[in-house]
Amino acid sequence: MTPEQVEEGVPHLLRQGRHLEWMTLGWNVLGVAILALAAITARSVALAGFGLDSLIEIGASVVVLWELADVDSTRQRRAMRLIGSAFVVLSVYLAIQSTVVLVVGFRPHHSRVGIAWTAVTALVMFVLASRKASVGRALDNPVLRAEGRVTMIDGVLALAVLLGLLLNALLGLWWADPLAGYLILYYALREAFASLSHN
């Protein structure tokens, strides 16, 4: 591709990036409502926590939409700091939630809605994350790539919550979900450091 062809493709790629963020935003707004209802019904800390993760993803999507509206280095640095801060919030939440659930020995009820939603969400988030990574690379946009990693972590967290819900429902292993939370905590901290140290 010549530089001229790349430049001509930028507006199309920016539209794709915005479209992906609007899809993520819409999915997570819907998810917050569904997860809140499921968490209250099942008295599930994991589902409530996943709802908080969806709120963080909503914030990250808003940041990227703001950044894509005017791609300059100052705005990119600010956006990377905001995304890094979202990872820090997610890390704090995961550390507290996982520890409290393990210490208290909290045993939630089963949630078919929670199981179905987290399964579908994992699939949707992985597809969106892959597309964001691709468009972010094509645009050479670190903010979109970073938010794609937020989306990937959202998908991994959905799988972890799903596994915890299934192990609790099928085998009564209530502690599986908080243990998976510690695994996600590691990735969230790694991404927080990468985003906050970006120049």
Protein backbone atom coordinates (compact mmCIF):
# COMPACT_ATOMS: atom_id res chain seq x y z
CA MET A 1 0.00 0.00 0.00
CA THR A 2 1.28 3.47 -0.91
CA PRO A 3 1.20 6.28 1.69
CA GLU A 4 -1.60 7.89 -0.34
CA GLN A 5 -3.72 4.71 -0.17
CA VAL A 6 -3.12 4.45 3.57
CA GLU A 7 -4.15 8.09 4.03
CA GLU A 8 -7.31 7.58 1.98
CA GLY A 9 -8.23 4.57 4.13
CA VAL A 10 -7.89 6.44 7.44
CA PRO A 11 -11.42 7.95 7.49
CA HIS A 12 -12.88 4.48 6.80
CA LEU A 13 -10.77 2.96 9.59
CA LEU A 14 -11.78 5.72 12.00
CA ARG A 15 -15.46 5.02 11.19
CA GLN A 16 -14.84 1.31 11.84
CA GLY A 17 -13.17 2.13 15.17
CA ARG A 18 -16.10 4.33 16.23
CA HIS A 19 -18.60 1.70 15.11
CA LEU A 20 -16.83 -0.97 17.20
CA GLU A 21 -16.86 1.31 20.23
CA TRP A 22 -20.57 2.11 19.83
CA MET A 23 -21.30 -1.63 19.61
CA THR A 24 -19.26 -2.25 22.78
CA LEU A 25 -20.97 0.64 24.53
CA GLY A 26 -24.48 -0.57 23.61
CA TRP A 27 -23.74 -4.16 24.63
CA ASN A 28 -22.38 -3.12 28.01
CA VAL A 29 -25.22 -0.69 28.77
CA LEU A 30 -27.65 -3.57 28.17
CA GLY A 31 -25.38 -5.87 30.18
CA VAL A 32 -25.36 -3.62 33.26
CA ALA A 33 -29.16 -3.83 33.45
CA ILE A 34 -29.27 -7.62 32.90
CA LEU A 35 -26.41 -8.29 35.32
CA ALA A 36 -27.92 -6.09 38.04
CA LEU A 37 -31.19 -8.04 37.86
CA ALA A 38 -29.39 -11.41 37.77
CA ALA A 39 -27.07 -10.44 40.65
CA ILE A 40 -29.95 -9.34 42.88
CA THR A 41 -31.99 -12.46 42.07
CA ALA A 42 -29.10 -14.88 42.65
CA ARG A 43 -27.41 -12.81 45.41
CA SER A 44 -24.26 -13.25 43.35
CA VAL A 45 -21.19 -11.18 44.15
CA ALA A 46 -19.56 -12.42 40.92
CA LEU A 47 -22.42 -11.18 38.74
CA ALA A 48 -22.51 -7.85 40.58
CA GLY A 49 -18.77 -7.55 40.03
CA PHE A 50 -19.09 -8.36 36.37
CA GLY A 51 -21.65 -5.57 36.16
CA LEU A 52 -19.01 -3.21 37.58
CA ASP A 53 -16.57 -4.45 34.95
CA SER A 54 -19.18 -3.59 32.31
CA LEU A 55 -19.37 -0.06 33.74
CA ILE A 56 -15.58 0.23 33.39
CA GLU A 57 -15.83 -0.98 29.80
CA ILE A 58 -18.51 1.67 29.15
CA GLY A 59 -16.11 4.32 30.47
CA ALA A 60 -13.26 3.01 28.31
CA SER A 61 -15.46 3.07 25.20
CA VAL A 62 -16.47 6.68 25.89
CA VAL A 63 -12.76 7.58 26.25
CA VAL A 64 -11.91 5.98 22.89
CA LEU A 65 -14.84 7.68 21.12
CA TRP A 66 -13.59 10.98 22.52
CA GLU A 67 -10.03 10.23 21.39
CA LEU A 68 -11.04 9.11 17.89
CA ALA A 69 -12.88 12.40 17.39
CA ASP A 70 -9.52 14.23 17.28
CA VAL A 71 -6.44 12.05 16.93
CA ASP A 72 -3.49 14.02 18.27
CA SER A 73 -0.66 13.02 20.57
CA THR A 74 -1.87 15.10 23.54
CA ARG A 75 -5.32 13.56 23.40
CA GLN A 76 -3.83 10.05 22.95
CA ARG A 77 -1.66 10.41 26.07
CA ARG A 78 -4.63 11.60 28.12
CA ALA A 79 -6.80 8.77 26.78
CA MET A 80 -4.11 6.18 27.59
CA ARG A 81 -3.95 7.49 31.18
CA LEU A 82 -7.73 7.25 31.49
CA ILE A 83 -7.73 3.67 30.16
CA GLY A 84 -4.85 2.78 32.49
CA SER A 85 -6.85 4.23 35.38
CA ALA A 86 -9.82 2.04 34.39
CA PHE A 87 -7.53 -1.00 34.60
CA VAL A 88 -6.42 0.11 38.08
CA VAL A 89 -10.07 0.40 39.20
CA LEU A 90 -10.77 -3.06 37.77
CA SER A 91 -7.71 -4.47 39.57
CA VAL A 92 -8.76 -2.99 42.92
CA TYR A 93 -12.27 -4.36 42.45
CA LEU A 94 -11.01 -7.86 41.57
CA ALA A 95 -8.61 -7.97 44.53
CA ILE A 96 -11.31 -6.89 47.01
CA GLN A 97 -14.12 -8.99 45.54
CA SER A 98 -12.12 -12.20 45.26
CA THR A 99 -10.67 -11.87 48.77
CA VAL A 100 -13.99 -11.00 50.45
CA VAL A 101 -15.82 -13.89 48.74
CA LEU A 102 -13.11 -16.37 49.78
CA VAL A 103 -12.86 -15.11 53.38
CA VAL A 104 -16.62 -14.88 53.93
CA GLY A 105 -17.32 -18.13 52.09
CA PHE A 106 -20.25 -16.50 50.30
CA ARG A 107 -22.36 -19.02 48.38
CA PRO A 108 -24.61 -17.50 45.72
CA HIS A 109 -27.74 -19.08 44.28
CA HIS A 110 -27.72 -20.44 40.73
CA SER A 111 -28.44 -18.03 37.87
CA ARG A 112 -29.49 -19.30 34.46
CA VAL A 113 -29.71 -15.73 33.18
CA GLY A 114 -26.19 -15.04 34.47
CA ILE A 115 -24.82 -18.20 32.83
CA ALA A 116 -26.45 -17.40 29.47
CA TRP A 117 -25.42 -13.73 29.49
CA THR A 118 -21.78 -14.34 30.43
CA ALA A 119 -21.46 -17.07 27.78
CA VAL A 120 -22.77 -14.82 25.00
CA THR A 121 -20.82 -11.82 26.32
CA ALA A 122 -17.54 -13.74 26.21
CA LEU A 123 -18.08 -14.53 22.53
CA VAL A 124 -19.12 -10.97 21.63
CA MET A 125 -16.20 -9.41 23.53
CA PHE A 126 -13.61 -11.68 21.86
CA VAL A 127 -14.92 -10.76 18.39
CA LEU A 128 -14.95 -7.04 19.23
CA ALA A 129 -11.47 -7.20 20.79
CA SER A 130 -10.05 -8.88 17.70
CA ARG A 131 -11.55 -6.23 15.40
CA LYS A 132 -10.34 -3.36 17.62
CA ALA A 133 -6.81 -4.79 17.62
CA SER A 134 -6.89 -5.04 13.82
CA VAL A 135 -8.26 -1.52 13.25
CA GLY A 136 -5.97 -0.09 15.95
CA ARG A 137 -2.91 -1.60 14.23
CA ALA A 138 -4.02 -0.30 10.83
CA LEU A 139 -4.48 3.21 12.29
CA ASP A 140 -1.34 2.90 14.45
CA ASN A 141 -3.61 4.04 17.28
CA PRO A 142 -2.39 2.94 20.75
CA VAL A 143 -5.63 4.05 22.43
CA LEU A 144 -7.85 1.81 20.31
CA ARG A 145 -5.40 -1.09 20.76
CA ALA A 146 -5.37 -0.55 24.55
CA GLU A 147 -9.16 -0.44 24.70
CA GLY A 148 -9.19 -3.61 22.62
CA ARG A 149 -7.20 -5.21 25.45
CA VAL A 150 -9.81 -3.92 27.93
CA THR A 151 -12.43 -5.65 25.78
CA MET A 152 -10.35 -8.84 25.69
CA ILE A 153 -10.06 -8.81 29.49
CA ASP A 154 -13.83 -8.27 29.64
CA GLY A 155 -14.23 -11.45 27.57
CA VAL A 156 -11.79 -13.41 29.74
CA LEU A 157 -13.56 -12.15 32.86
CA ALA A 158 -16.89 -13.26 31.35
CA LEU A 159 -15.42 -16.75 30.88
CA ALA A 160 -14.07 -16.77 34.44
CA VAL A 161 -17.45 -15.72 35.85
CA LEU A 162 -19.17 -18.30 33.61
CA LEU A 163 -16.85 -21.05 34.84
CA GLY A 164 -17.47 -20.03 38.44
CA LEU A 165 -21.24 -19.99 37.92
CA LEU A 166 -21.17 -23.41 36.22
CA LEU A 167 -18.92 -25.01 38.86
CA ASN A 168 -21.17 -23.62 41.58
CA ALA A 169 -24.38 -24.74 39.82
CA LEU A 170 -23.14 -28.21 38.82
CA LEU A 171 -20.67 -29.16 41.56
CA GLY A 172 -21.25 -26.72 44.41
CA LEU A 173 -17.69 -25.35 44.08
CA TRP A 174 -18.48 -21.80 45.21
CA TRP A 175 -14.79 -20.80 45.53
CA ALA A 176 -13.93 -21.31 41.82
CA ASP A 177 -15.05 -17.83 40.78
CA PRO A 178 -12.94 -15.79 43.26
CA LEU A 179 -9.87 -17.89 42.37
CA ALA A 180 -10.41 -17.09 38.69
CA GLY A 181 -10.69 -13.43 39.72
CA TYR A 182 -7.07 -13.50 40.89
CA LEU A 183 -5.97 -14.69 37.46
CA ILE A 184 -7.78 -11.79 35.80
CA LEU A 185 -6.25 -9.45 38.40
CA TYR A 186 -2.78 -10.32 37.09
CA TYR A 187 -3.71 -9.38 33.50
CA ALA A 188 -5.52 -6.22 34.59
CA LEU A 189 -2.46 -5.02 36.55
CA ARG A 190 -0.18 -5.76 33.59
CA GLU A 191 -2.40 -3.75 31.24
CA ALA A 192 -2.71 -0.91 33.77
CA PHE A 193 1.07 -0.63 33.93
CA ALA A 194 1.43 -0.76 30.12
CA SER A 195 -1.23 1.93 29.57
CA LEU A 196 -0.02 4.27 32.31
CA SER A 197 3.64 4.01 31.21
CA HIS A 198 2.81 4.71 27.54
CA ASN A 199 4.49 7.83 26.13
